[in-house]
Amino acid sequence: MIVFDAITFGKTIRKRRKELGYTQAMVAQHTGFSVSFISDLERGKSTAELEKAIYLANMLGMNVELNVRGKR
């Protein structure tokens, strides 16, 4: 999926978390992040920390890639 904004990124993270059957509390306990951070990220809050967002995506079994458009 191509992500152009924080809202799409957050919705994708939320969808994957729910697919895995994880609650925000479970993810918070595993990562050490607060439930409020995870909630903010999933709602697309644009001030969420990039490092934590990438870590969370990886923890949920997702790759985060940056590609030049039109090339793979």
PDB file of N, CA and C in Angstrom:
ATOM      1  N   MET A   1       0.834  -1.170   0.000  1.00  0.00           N
ATOM      2  CA  MET A   1       0.000   0.000   0.000  1.00  0.00           C
ATOM      3  C   MET A   1       0.883   1.238   0.000  1.00  0.00           C
ATOM      4  N   ILE A   2       0.492   2.194  -0.783  1.00  0.00           N
ATOM      5  CA  ILE A   2       1.204   3.465  -0.807  1.00  0.00           C
ATOM      6  C   ILE A   2       0.538   4.393   0.196  1.00  0.00           C
ATOM      7  N   VAL A   3       1.342   4.973   1.059  1.00  0.00           N
ATOM      8  CA  VAL A   3       0.844   5.861   2.098  1.00  0.00           C
ATOM      9  C   VAL A   3       1.296   7.284   1.788  1.00  0.00           C
ATOM     10  N   PHE A   4       0.328   8.196   1.741  1.00  0.00           N
ATOM     11  CA  PHE A   4       0.636   9.593   1.438  1.00  0.00           C
ATOM     12  C   PHE A   4       0.486  10.516   2.640  1.00  0.00           C
ATOM     13  N   ASP A   5      -0.095  10.006   3.733  1.00  0.00           N
ATOM     14  CA  ASP A   5      -0.323  10.879   4.876  1.00  0.00           C
ATOM     15  C   ASP A   5      -0.410  10.072   6.166  1.00  0.00           C
ATOM     16  N   ALA A   6      -0.395  10.779   7.281  1.00  0.00           N
ATOM     17  CA  ALA A   6      -0.413  10.141   8.598  1.00  0.00           C
ATOM     18  C   ALA A   6      -1.719   9.411   8.856  1.00  0.00           C
ATOM     19  N   ILE A   7      -2.819   9.912   8.319  1.00  0.00           N
ATOM     20  CA  ILE A   7      -4.116   9.265   8.536  1.00  0.00           C
ATOM     21  C   ILE A   7      -4.142   7.880   7.901  1.00  0.00           C
ATOM     22  N   THR A   8      -3.682   7.765   6.670  1.00  0.00           N
ATOM     23  CA  THR A   8      -3.643   6.465   5.990  1.00  0.00           C
ATOM     24  C   THR A   8      -2.686   5.512   6.705  1.00  0.00           C
ATOM     25  N   PHE A   9      -1.538   6.026   7.132  1.00  0.00           N
ATOM     26  CA  PHE A   9      -0.578   5.203   7.867  1.00  0.00           C
ATOM     27  C   PHE A   9      -1.245   4.664   9.131  1.00  0.00           C
ATOM     28  N   GLY A  10      -1.899   5.528   9.880  1.00  0.00           N
ATOM     29  CA  GLY A  10      -2.546   5.122  11.121  1.00  0.00           C
ATOM     30  C   GLY A  10      -3.644   4.105  10.911  1.00  0.00           C
ATOM     31  N   LYS A  11      -4.467   4.308   9.888  1.00  0.00           N
ATOM     32  CA  LYS A  11      -5.541   3.355   9.596  1.00  0.00           C
ATOM     33  C   LYS A  11      -4.968   1.990   9.235  1.00  0.00           C
ATOM     34  N   THR A  12      -3.861   1.989   8.516  1.00  0.00           N
ATOM     35  CA  THR A  12      -3.222   0.731   8.125  1.00  0.00           C
ATOM     36  C   THR A  12      -2.668   0.007   9.348  1.00  0.00           C
ATOM     37  N   ILE A  13      -2.063   0.756  10.259  1.00  0.00           N
ATOM     38  CA  ILE A  13      -1.550   0.166  11.500  1.00  0.00           C
ATOM     39  C   ILE A  13      -2.703  -0.412  12.317  1.00  0.00           C
ATOM     40  N   ARG A  14      -3.784   0.339  12.463  1.00  0.00           N
ATOM     41  CA  ARG A  14      -4.950  -0.134  13.227  1.00  0.00           C
ATOM     42  C   ARG A  14      -5.524  -1.413  12.617  1.00  0.00           C
ATOM     43  N   LYS A  15      -5.672  -1.425  11.288  1.00  0.00           N
ATOM     44  CA  LYS A  15      -6.228  -2.600  10.610  1.00  0.00           C
ATOM     45  C   LYS A  15      -5.378  -3.832  10.884  1.00  0.00           C
ATOM     46  N   ARG A  16      -4.071  -3.686  10.765  1.00  0.00           N
ATOM     47  CA  ARG A  16      -3.170  -4.826  10.989  1.00  0.00           C
ATOM     48  C   ARG A  16      -3.225  -5.295  12.439  1.00  0.00           C
ATOM     49  N   ARG A  17      -3.246  -4.361  13.377  1.00  0.00           N
ATOM     50  CA  ARG A  17      -3.316  -4.731  14.797  1.00  0.00           C
ATOM     51  C   ARG A  17      -4.574  -5.544  15.059  1.00  0.00           C
ATOM     52  N   LYS A  18      -5.686  -5.107  14.501  1.00  0.00           N
ATOM     53  CA  LYS A  18      -6.950  -5.811  14.704  1.00  0.00           C
ATOM     54  C   LYS A  18      -6.953  -7.174  14.012  1.00  0.00           C
ATOM     55  N   GLU A  19      -6.323  -7.261  12.825  1.00  0.00           N
ATOM     56  CA  GLU A  19      -6.201  -8.551  12.136  1.00  0.00           C
ATOM     57  C   GLU A  19      -5.483  -9.566  13.019  1.00  0.00           C
ATOM     58  N   LEU A  20      -4.495  -9.096  13.765  1.00  0.00           N
ATOM     59  CA  LEU A  20      -3.714  -9.966  14.641  1.00  0.00           C
ATOM     60  C   LEU A  20      -4.425 -10.239  15.964  1.00  0.00           C
ATOM     61  N   GLY A  21      -5.519  -9.540  16.200  1.00  0.00           N
ATOM     62  CA  GLY A  21      -6.272  -9.737  17.432  1.00  0.00           C
ATOM     63  C   GLY A  21      -5.647  -9.076  18.646  1.00  0.00           C
ATOM     64  N   TYR A  22      -4.821  -8.079  18.415  1.00  0.00           N
ATOM     65  CA  TYR A  22      -4.156  -7.375  19.515  1.00  0.00           C
ATOM     66  C   TYR A  22      -4.975  -6.164  19.944  1.00  0.00           C
ATOM     67  N   THR A  23      -4.979  -5.894  21.218  1.00  0.00           N
ATOM     68  CA  THR A  23      -5.552  -4.644  21.709  1.00  0.00           C
ATOM     69  C   THR A  23      -4.440  -3.601  21.770  1.00  0.00           C
ATOM     70  N   GLN A  24      -4.846  -2.350  21.874  1.00  0.00           N
ATOM     71  CA  GLN A  24      -3.841  -1.300  22.036  1.00  0.00           C
ATOM     72  C   GLN A  24      -3.054  -1.524  23.322  1.00  0.00           C
ATOM     73  N   ALA A  25      -3.730  -1.997  24.362  1.00  0.00           N
ATOM     74  CA  ALA A  25      -3.050  -2.256  25.639  1.00  0.00           C
ATOM     75  C   ALA A  25      -1.994  -3.352  25.490  1.00  0.00           C
ATOM     76  N   MET A  26      -2.303  -4.394  24.742  1.00  0.00           N
ATOM     77  CA  MET A  26      -1.333  -5.477  24.526  1.00  0.00           C
ATOM     78  C   MET A  26      -0.105  -4.958  23.792  1.00  0.00           C
ATOM     79  N   VAL A  27      -0.337  -4.158  22.751  1.00  0.00           N
ATOM     80  CA  VAL A  27       0.775  -3.606  21.976  1.00  0.00           C
ATOM     81  C   VAL A  27       1.598  -2.662  22.852  1.00  0.00           C
ATOM     82  N   ALA A  28       0.924  -1.868  23.665  1.00  0.00           N
ATOM     83  CA  ALA A  28       1.624  -0.944  24.557  1.00  0.00           C
ATOM     84  C   ALA A  28       2.514  -1.708  25.533  1.00  0.00           C
ATOM     85  N   GLN A  29       1.987  -2.783  26.085  1.00  0.00           N
ATOM     86  CA  GLN A  29       2.769  -3.568  27.043  1.00  0.00           C
ATOM     87  C   GLN A  29       3.996  -4.182  26.372  1.00  0.00           C
ATOM     88  N   HIS A  30       3.834  -4.653  25.154  1.00  0.00           N
ATOM     89  CA  HIS A  30       4.947  -5.304  24.440  1.00  0.00           C
ATOM     90  C   HIS A  30       6.013  -4.307  23.999  1.00  0.00           C
ATOM     91  N   THR A  31       5.588  -3.114  23.566  1.00  0.00           N
ATOM     92  CA  THR A  31       6.534  -2.142  23.016  1.00  0.00           C
ATOM     93  C   THR A  31       7.068  -1.156  24.047  1.00  0.00           C
ATOM     94  N   GLY A  32       6.321  -0.987  25.141  1.00  0.00           N
ATOM     95  CA  GLY A  32       6.699   0.030  26.114  1.00  0.00           C
ATOM     96  C   GLY A  32       6.167   1.415  25.753  1.00  0.00           C
ATOM     97  N   PHE A  33       5.414   1.507  24.650  1.00  0.00           N
ATOM     98  CA  PHE A  33       4.792   2.763  24.262  1.00  0.00           C
ATOM     99  C   PHE A  33       3.494   2.921  25.039  1.00  0.00           C
ATOM    100  N   SER A  34       3.047   4.141  25.209  1.00  0.00           N
ATOM    101  CA  SER A  34       1.788   4.367  25.913  1.00  0.00           C
ATOM    102  C   SER A  34       0.604   4.053  24.991  1.00  0.00           C
ATOM    103  N   VAL A  35      -0.514   3.691  25.604  1.00  0.00           N
ATOM    104  CA  VAL A  35      -1.736   3.465  24.848  1.00  0.00           C
ATOM    105  C   VAL A  35      -2.132   4.752  24.126  1.00  0.00           C
ATOM    106  N   SER A  36      -1.904   5.891  24.759  1.00  0.00           N
ATOM    107  CA  SER A  36      -2.265   7.160  24.117  1.00  0.00           C
ATOM    108  C   SER A  36      -1.418   7.402  22.867  1.00  0.00           C
ATOM    109  N   PHE A  37      -0.131   7.002  22.880  1.00  0.00           N
ATOM    110  CA  PHE A  37       0.692   7.143  21.677  1.00  0.00           C
ATOM    111  C   PHE A  37       0.126   6.279  20.555  1.00  0.00           C
ATOM    112  N   ILE A  38      -0.193   5.027  20.866  1.00  0.00           N
ATOM    113  CA  ILE A  38      -0.720   4.109  19.851  1.00  0.00           C
ATOM    114  C   ILE A  38      -2.048   4.635  19.308  1.00  0.00           C
ATOM    115  N   SER A  39      -2.891   5.116  20.182  1.00  0.00           N
ATOM    116  CA  SER A  39      -4.166   5.695  19.766  1.00  0.00           C
ATOM    117  C   SER A  39      -3.953   6.903  18.858  1.00  0.00           C
ATOM    118  N   ASP A  40      -3.058   7.801  19.252  1.00  0.00           N
ATOM    119  CA  ASP A  40      -2.756   8.983  18.433  1.00  0.00           C
ATOM    120  C   ASP A  40      -2.242   8.579  17.054  1.00  0.00           C
ATOM    121  N   LEU A  41      -1.348   7.606  17.025  1.00  0.00           N
ATOM    122  CA  LEU A  41      -0.785   7.134  15.764  1.00  0.00           C
ATOM    123  C   LEU A  41      -1.880   6.568  14.872  1.00  0.00           C
ATOM    124  N   GLU A  42      -2.743   5.742  15.440  1.00  0.00           N
ATOM    125  CA  GLU A  42      -3.807   5.112  14.663  1.00  0.00           C
ATOM    126  C   GLU A  42      -4.836   6.130  14.168  1.00  0.00           C
ATOM    127  N   ARG A  43      -4.972   7.235  14.858  1.00  0.00           N
ATOM    128  CA  ARG A  43      -5.897   8.287  14.430  1.00  0.00           C
ATOM    129  C   ARG A  43      -5.243   9.255  13.455  1.00  0.00           C
ATOM    130  N   GLY A  44      -3.962   9.046  13.171  1.00  0.00           N
ATOM    131  CA  GLY A  44      -3.284   9.871  12.179  1.00  0.00           C
ATOM    132  C   GLY A  44      -2.737  11.177  12.703  1.00  0.00           C
ATOM    133  N   LYS A  45      -2.489  11.245  14.009  1.00  0.00           N
ATOM    134  CA  LYS A  45      -1.918  12.467  14.570  1.00  0.00           C
ATOM    135  C   LYS A  45      -0.546  12.699  13.934  1.00  0.00           C
ATOM    136  N   SER A  46      -0.392  13.829  13.310  1.00  0.00           N
ATOM    137  CA  SER A  46       0.813  14.077  12.512  1.00  0.00           C
ATOM    138  C   SER A  46       2.068  14.321  13.344  1.00  0.00           C
ATOM    139  N   THR A  47       1.935  14.488  14.646  1.00  0.00           N
ATOM    140  CA  THR A  47       3.115  14.721  15.474  1.00  0.00           C
ATOM    141  C   THR A  47       3.675  13.429  16.079  1.00  0.00           C
ATOM    142  N   ALA A  48       3.115  12.286  15.720  1.00  0.00           N
ATOM    143  CA  ALA A  48       3.627  11.011  16.230  1.00  0.00           C
ATOM    144  C   ALA A  48       5.087  10.847  15.812  1.00  0.00           C
ATOM    145  N   GLU A  49       5.887  10.259  16.677  1.00  0.00           N
ATOM    146  CA  GLU A  49       7.313  10.091  16.414  1.00  0.00           C
ATOM    147  C   GLU A  49       7.561   9.026  15.353  1.00  0.00           C
ATOM    148  N   LEU A  50       8.306   9.389  14.335  1.00  0.00           N
ATOM    149  CA  LEU A  50       8.573   8.496  13.218  1.00  0.00           C
ATOM    150  C   LEU A  50       9.261   7.210  13.656  1.00  0.00           C
ATOM    151  N   GLU A  51      10.258   7.301  14.495  1.00  0.00           N
ATOM    152  CA  GLU A  51      10.997   6.113  14.944  1.00  0.00           C
ATOM    153  C   GLU A  51      10.054   5.112  15.598  1.00  0.00           C
ATOM    154  N   LYS A  52       9.193   5.595  16.463  1.00  0.00           N
ATOM    155  CA  LYS A  52       8.237   4.714  17.142  1.00  0.00           C
ATOM    156  C   LYS A  52       7.227   4.141  16.146  1.00  0.00           C
ATOM    157  N   ALA A  53       6.789   4.944  15.206  1.00  0.00           N
ATOM    158  CA  ALA A  53       5.823   4.491  14.212  1.00  0.00           C
ATOM    159  C   ALA A  53       6.409   3.358  13.361  1.00  0.00           C
ATOM    160  N   ILE A  54       7.638   3.509  12.947  1.00  0.00           N
ATOM    161  CA  ILE A  54       8.301   2.467  12.150  1.00  0.00           C
ATOM    162  C   ILE A  54       8.492   1.211  12.987  1.00  0.00           C
ATOM    163  N   TYR A  55       8.919   1.376  14.225  1.00  0.00           N
ATOM    164  CA  TYR A  55       9.101   0.227  15.118  1.00  0.00           C
ATOM    165  C   TYR A  55       7.779  -0.521  15.282  1.00  0.00           C
ATOM    166  N   LEU A  56       6.699   0.204  15.511  1.00  0.00           N
ATOM    167  CA  LEU A  56       5.397  -0.416  15.717  1.00  0.00           C
ATOM    168  C   LEU A  56       4.953  -1.175  14.475  1.00  0.00           C
ATOM    169  N   ALA A  57       5.133  -0.592  13.298  1.00  0.00           N
ATOM    170  CA  ALA A  57       4.787  -1.286  12.057  1.00  0.00           C
ATOM    171  C   ALA A  57       5.576  -2.580  11.933  1.00  0.00           C
ATOM    172  N   ASN A  58       6.860  -2.538  12.221  1.00  0.00           N
ATOM    173  CA  ASN A  58       7.687  -3.739  12.152  1.00  0.00           C
ATOM    174  C   ASN A  58       7.252  -4.779  13.171  1.00  0.00           C
ATOM    175  N   MET A  59       6.896  -4.338  14.370  1.00  0.00           N
ATOM    176  CA  MET A  59       6.446  -5.252  15.407  1.00  0.00           C
ATOM    177  C   MET A  59       5.168  -5.972  14.979  1.00  0.00           C
ATOM    178  N   LEU A  60       4.340  -5.310  14.183  1.00  0.00           N
ATOM    179  CA  LEU A  60       3.102  -5.911  13.695  1.00  0.00           C
ATOM    180  C   LEU A  60       3.318  -6.730  12.422  1.00  0.00           C
ATOM    181  N   GLY A  61       4.579  -6.929  12.056  1.00  0.00           N
ATOM    182  CA  GLY A  61       4.911  -7.764  10.905  1.00  0.00           C
ATOM    183  C   GLY A  61       4.784  -7.055   9.568  1.00  0.00           C
ATOM    184  N   MET A  62       4.890  -5.733   9.582  1.00  0.00           N
ATOM    185  CA  MET A  62       4.765  -4.952   8.353  1.00  0.00           C
ATOM    186  C   MET A  62       6.113  -4.344   7.988  1.00  0.00           C
ATOM    187  N   ASN A  63       6.385  -4.263   6.700  1.00  0.00           N
ATOM    188  CA  ASN A  63       7.576  -3.587   6.217  1.00  0.00           C
ATOM    189  C   ASN A  63       7.239  -2.140   5.904  1.00  0.00           C
ATOM    190  N   VAL A  64       8.170  -1.264   6.161  1.00  0.00           N
ATOM    191  CA  VAL A  64       8.039   0.128   5.765  1.00  0.00           C
ATOM    192  C   VAL A  64       9.119   0.371   4.720  1.00  0.00           C
ATOM    193  N   GLU A  65       8.699   0.703   3.512  1.00  0.00           N
ATOM    194  CA  GLU A  65       9.642   0.882   2.415  1.00  0.00           C
ATOM    195  C   GLU A  65       9.488   2.261   1.811  1.00  0.00           C
ATOM    196  N   LEU A  66      10.585   2.814   1.367  1.00  0.00           N
ATOM    197  CA  LEU A  66      10.575   4.034   0.570  1.00  0.00           C
ATOM    198  C   LEU A  66      11.140   3.683  -0.780  1.00  0.00           C
ATOM    199  N   ASN A  67      10.356   3.919  -1.813  1.00  0.00           N
ATOM    200  CA  ASN A  67      10.769   3.599  -3.170  1.00  0.00           C
ATOM    201  C   ASN A  67      10.618   4.823  -4.048  1.00  0.00           C
ATOM    202  N   VAL A  68      11.500   4.941  -5.019  1.00  0.00           N
ATOM    203  CA  VAL A  68      11.344   5.976  -6.031  1.00  0.00           C
ATOM    204  C   VAL A  68      10.132   5.615  -6.865  1.00  0.00           C
ATOM    205  N   ARG A  69       9.237   6.558  -7.080  1.00  0.00           N
ATOM    206  CA  ARG A  69       8.030   6.281  -7.856  1.00  0.00           C
ATOM    207  C   ARG A  69       8.372   5.720  -9.223  1.00  0.00           C
ATOM    208  N   GLY A  70       7.659   4.680  -9.589  1.00  0.00           N
ATOM    209  CA  GLY A  70       7.851   4.070 -10.898  1.00  0.00           C
ATOM    210  C   GLY A  70       8.980   3.052 -10.931  1.00  0.00           C
ATOM    211  N   LYS A  71       9.706   2.896  -9.810  1.00  0.00           N
ATOM    212  CA  LYS A  71      10.811   1.924  -9.745  1.00  0.00           C
ATOM    213  C   LYS A  71      10.584   1.027  -8.553  1.00  0.00           C
ATOM    214  N   ARG A  72      11.046  -0.174  -8.629  1.00  0.00           N
ATOM    215  CA  ARG A  72      10.961  -1.121  -7.514  1.00  0.00           C
ATOM    216  C   ARG A  72      12.286  -1.730  -7.257  1.00  0.00           C
TER     217      ARG A  72
END
